[in-house]
Every structure is written in C-alpha cells, then in structure tokens.
C-alpha cells in the first residue's frame, strides 16, 4: 500500500531556444542547438509542435549524423 506522505515525482521540464520567421503563409524555424535542421508550420503553434517532435526524434537517435553547435571555452 502506498504511503500517503510519499512524494509524487513530477516530470522535469527542460527548455531550449529556437529561431523562427514567417514566410508568406508559413512559419519556418529551427532549434538553435541544431541550425542545420529546419521545419515549418501553418501557424506558430504548429511550428512549435513540429520543433518538439523533431527534438524528440533527434534525442532518440532516429535522425542519424546530427551536427550540433556548442561553445568552446579557451584559456587566455
């Protein structure tokens, strides 16, 4: 029987940044960590949904050979 005082684990929320623009009737964009991979939507909401799906596919390994941008820290 579960303990009534036990904590329920909340899913961790993560965030990322994206760049988007409107071209005619479409919203186009990409995840800033993955600038080579673009997607689009008929609305900003659809674009955001497509970006989330694309990130899920990338993180699952479904999309091979992903190029990623990262910061390199150098000592003076």
N, C-alpha and C. Protein backbone atom coordinates (compact mmCIF):
# COMPACT_ATOMS: atom_id res chain seq x y z
N UNK A 1 0.84 -1.17 0.00
CA UNK A 1 0.00 0.00 0.00
C UNK A 1 0.90 1.24 0.00
N UNK A 2 0.64 2.22 -0.91
CA UNK A 2 1.50 3.41 -0.99
C UNK A 2 1.34 4.27 0.26
N UNK A 3 2.43 4.85 0.65
CA UNK A 3 2.45 5.75 1.78
C UNK A 3 1.83 7.08 1.36
N UNK A 4 0.85 7.58 2.11
CA UNK A 4 0.17 8.82 1.73
C UNK A 4 1.07 10.03 1.82
N UNK A 5 2.20 9.90 2.52
CA UNK A 5 3.12 11.04 2.63
C UNK A 5 4.23 10.99 1.58
N UNK A 6 4.26 9.92 0.77
CA UNK A 6 5.31 9.84 -0.24
C UNK A 6 5.07 10.87 -1.34
N UNK A 7 6.16 11.40 -1.87
CA UNK A 7 6.07 12.43 -2.90
C UNK A 7 5.87 11.80 -4.27
N UNK A 8 5.06 12.43 -5.07
CA UNK A 8 4.87 12.02 -6.46
C UNK A 8 5.93 12.74 -7.27
N UNK A 9 6.64 11.98 -8.10
CA UNK A 9 7.69 12.60 -8.93
C UNK A 9 7.07 13.36 -10.08
N UNK A 10 7.36 14.64 -10.13
CA UNK A 10 6.91 15.48 -11.23
C UNK A 10 7.92 15.35 -12.37
N UNK A 11 7.44 15.33 -13.62
CA UNK A 11 8.40 15.27 -14.73
C UNK A 11 9.23 16.55 -14.77
N UNK A 12 10.51 16.40 -15.08
CA UNK A 12 11.39 17.56 -15.19
C UNK A 12 11.08 18.30 -16.49
N UNK A 13 10.97 19.60 -16.38
CA UNK A 13 10.75 20.43 -17.56
C UNK A 13 12.11 20.90 -18.05
N UNK A 14 12.31 20.88 -19.34
CA UNK A 14 13.54 21.43 -19.90
C UNK A 14 13.15 22.44 -20.96
N UNK A 15 14.08 23.26 -21.31
CA UNK A 15 13.78 24.27 -22.33
C UNK A 15 14.96 24.37 -23.28
N UNK A 16 14.67 24.91 -24.44
CA UNK A 16 15.69 25.18 -25.44
C UNK A 16 15.24 26.41 -26.21
N UNK A 17 16.12 26.97 -26.98
CA UNK A 17 15.76 28.16 -27.76
C UNK A 17 15.60 27.79 -29.22
N UNK A 18 14.78 28.57 -29.91
CA UNK A 18 14.59 28.36 -31.33
C UNK A 18 14.48 29.70 -32.03
N UNK A 19 14.75 29.68 -33.32
CA UNK A 19 14.65 30.86 -34.18
C UNK A 19 13.54 30.58 -35.18
N UNK A 20 12.70 31.59 -35.41
CA UNK A 20 11.62 31.39 -36.40
C UNK A 20 11.35 32.69 -37.14
N UNK A 21 10.68 32.55 -38.26
CA UNK A 21 10.27 33.68 -39.07
C UNK A 21 9.06 33.26 -39.89
N UNK A 22 8.35 34.25 -40.39
CA UNK A 22 7.19 33.96 -41.23
C UNK A 22 7.55 34.28 -42.67
N UNK A 23 7.22 33.34 -43.55
CA UNK A 23 7.46 33.50 -44.99
C UNK A 23 6.14 33.21 -45.68
N UNK A 24 5.44 34.26 -46.08
CA UNK A 24 4.12 34.06 -46.67
C UNK A 24 3.16 33.53 -45.62
N UNK A 25 2.53 32.39 -45.93
CA UNK A 25 1.56 31.81 -45.02
C UNK A 25 2.17 30.80 -44.04
N UNK A 26 3.47 30.60 -44.07
CA UNK A 26 4.11 29.58 -43.24
C UNK A 26 5.06 30.19 -42.23
N UNK A 27 5.18 29.51 -41.10
CA UNK A 27 6.18 29.83 -40.09
C UNK A 27 7.29 28.81 -40.22
N UNK A 28 8.52 29.27 -40.38
CA UNK A 28 9.68 28.39 -40.52
C UNK A 28 10.59 28.61 -39.33
N UNK A 29 11.34 27.56 -38.96
CA UNK A 29 12.23 27.74 -37.84
C UNK A 29 13.14 26.55 -37.62
N UNK A 30 14.04 26.73 -36.65
CA UNK A 30 14.97 25.67 -36.28
C UNK A 30 15.34 25.83 -34.81
N UNK A 31 15.79 24.75 -34.21
CA UNK A 31 16.30 24.77 -32.85
C UNK A 31 17.70 25.37 -32.89
N UNK A 32 18.00 26.31 -32.03
CA UNK A 32 19.30 26.99 -32.09
C UNK A 32 20.47 26.03 -31.88
N UNK A 33 20.26 24.94 -31.15
CA UNK A 33 21.32 23.94 -30.98
C UNK A 33 21.53 23.11 -32.24
N UNK A 34 20.57 23.13 -33.15
CA UNK A 34 20.63 22.31 -34.37
C UNK A 34 20.25 23.17 -35.58
N UNK A 35 21.06 24.16 -35.95
CA UNK A 35 20.67 25.10 -37.00
C UNK A 35 20.57 24.50 -38.40
N UNK A 36 21.08 23.30 -38.61
CA UNK A 36 21.01 22.68 -39.93
C UNK A 36 19.66 22.03 -40.21
N UNK A 37 18.81 21.90 -39.20
CA UNK A 37 17.57 21.15 -39.34
C UNK A 37 16.38 22.09 -39.17
N UNK A 38 15.72 22.39 -40.27
CA UNK A 38 14.60 23.32 -40.28
C UNK A 38 13.28 22.56 -40.36
N UNK A 39 12.22 23.21 -39.90
CA UNK A 39 10.87 22.68 -40.06
C UNK A 39 9.93 23.85 -40.25
N UNK A 40 8.66 23.56 -40.49
CA UNK A 40 7.70 24.62 -40.75
C UNK A 40 6.33 24.25 -40.21
N UNK A 41 5.45 25.24 -40.17
CA UNK A 41 4.06 25.03 -39.77
C UNK A 41 3.20 26.11 -40.35
N UNK A 42 1.89 25.84 -40.43
CA UNK A 42 0.96 26.85 -40.94
C UNK A 42 0.64 27.91 -39.90
N UNK A 43 1.00 27.64 -38.64
CA UNK A 43 0.86 28.60 -37.54
C UNK A 43 2.09 28.47 -36.66
N UNK A 44 2.27 29.45 -35.77
CA UNK A 44 3.41 29.37 -34.86
C UNK A 44 3.25 28.17 -33.93
N UNK A 45 2.02 27.89 -33.52
CA UNK A 45 1.75 26.75 -32.65
C UNK A 45 2.12 25.44 -33.34
N UNK A 46 1.79 25.31 -34.63
CA UNK A 46 2.15 24.10 -35.36
C UNK A 46 3.66 24.00 -35.52
N UNK A 47 4.32 25.11 -35.77
CA UNK A 47 5.79 25.12 -35.86
C UNK A 47 6.40 24.63 -34.56
N UNK A 48 5.94 25.15 -33.42
CA UNK A 48 6.47 24.75 -32.12
C UNK A 48 6.25 23.26 -31.90
N UNK A 49 5.08 22.75 -32.26
CA UNK A 49 4.81 21.32 -32.14
C UNK A 49 5.77 20.51 -33.01
N UNK A 50 6.01 20.96 -34.22
CA UNK A 50 6.94 20.26 -35.12
C UNK A 50 8.37 20.31 -34.60
N UNK A 51 8.76 21.44 -34.00
CA UNK A 51 10.10 21.54 -33.40
C UNK A 51 10.25 20.56 -32.24
N UNK A 52 9.22 20.43 -31.41
CA UNK A 52 9.25 19.48 -30.29
C UNK A 52 9.38 18.05 -30.81
N UNK A 53 8.61 17.71 -31.86
CA UNK A 53 8.70 16.37 -32.45
C UNK A 53 10.09 16.12 -33.01
N UNK A 54 10.65 17.12 -33.68
CA UNK A 54 11.97 16.98 -34.27
C UNK A 54 13.02 16.76 -33.18
N UNK A 55 12.94 17.50 -32.09
CA UNK A 55 13.89 17.34 -30.98
C UNK A 55 13.77 15.94 -30.39
N UNK A 56 12.55 15.45 -30.23
CA UNK A 56 12.35 14.10 -29.70
C UNK A 56 12.99 13.07 -30.62
N UNK A 57 12.82 13.22 -31.93
CA UNK A 57 13.44 12.30 -32.89
C UNK A 57 14.96 12.37 -32.83
N UNK A 58 15.50 13.56 -32.68
CA UNK A 58 16.95 13.73 -32.61
C UNK A 58 17.51 13.07 -31.34
N UNK A 59 16.85 13.30 -30.22
CA UNK A 59 17.33 12.75 -28.96
C UNK A 59 17.18 11.24 -28.88
N UNK A 60 16.24 10.68 -29.64
CA UNK A 60 16.03 9.23 -29.63
C UNK A 60 17.01 8.51 -30.55
N UNK A 61 17.74 9.26 -31.38
CA UNK A 61 18.67 8.65 -32.33
C UNK A 61 18.02 8.28 -33.65
N UNK A 62 16.74 8.64 -33.81
CA UNK A 62 16.03 8.32 -35.06
C UNK A 62 16.61 9.06 -36.26
N UNK A 63 17.14 10.25 -36.02
CA UNK A 63 17.77 11.03 -37.09
C UNK A 63 19.28 10.83 -36.95
N UNK A 64 19.93 10.24 -37.94
CA UNK A 64 21.37 9.96 -37.82
C UNK A 64 22.23 11.18 -38.18
N UNK A 65 23.48 11.14 -37.75
CA UNK A 65 24.52 12.11 -38.13
C UNK A 65 24.13 13.55 -37.83
N UNK A 66 23.67 13.79 -36.63
CA UNK A 66 23.23 15.13 -36.25
C UNK A 66 24.44 16.00 -35.94
N UNK A 67 24.48 17.17 -36.56
CA UNK A 67 25.52 18.15 -36.27
C UNK A 67 24.98 19.10 -35.21
N UNK A 68 25.79 19.40 -34.21
CA UNK A 68 25.35 20.26 -33.12
C UNK A 68 26.36 21.38 -32.92
N UNK A 69 25.85 22.54 -32.53
CA UNK A 69 26.69 23.70 -32.23
C UNK A 69 26.91 23.74 -30.73
N UNK A 70 28.14 23.95 -30.31
CA UNK A 70 28.47 24.03 -28.90
C UNK A 70 29.53 25.09 -28.71
N UNK A 71 29.61 25.63 -27.52
CA UNK A 71 30.59 26.68 -27.20
C UNK A 71 31.89 26.00 -26.74
N UNK A 72 33.01 26.48 -27.24
CA UNK A 72 34.33 26.01 -26.84
C UNK A 72 34.95 27.07 -25.95
N UNK A 73 35.32 26.71 -24.73
CA UNK A 73 35.90 27.65 -23.79
C UNK A 73 37.42 27.49 -23.83
N UNK A 74 38.11 28.61 -24.06
CA UNK A 74 39.56 28.60 -24.16
C UNK A 74 40.17 29.43 -23.05
N UNK A 75 41.29 28.98 -22.53
CA UNK A 75 42.02 29.77 -21.52
C UNK A 75 42.84 30.84 -22.23
N UNK A 76 43.00 31.96 -21.58
CA UNK A 76 43.81 33.05 -22.16
C UNK A 76 45.27 32.72 -22.12
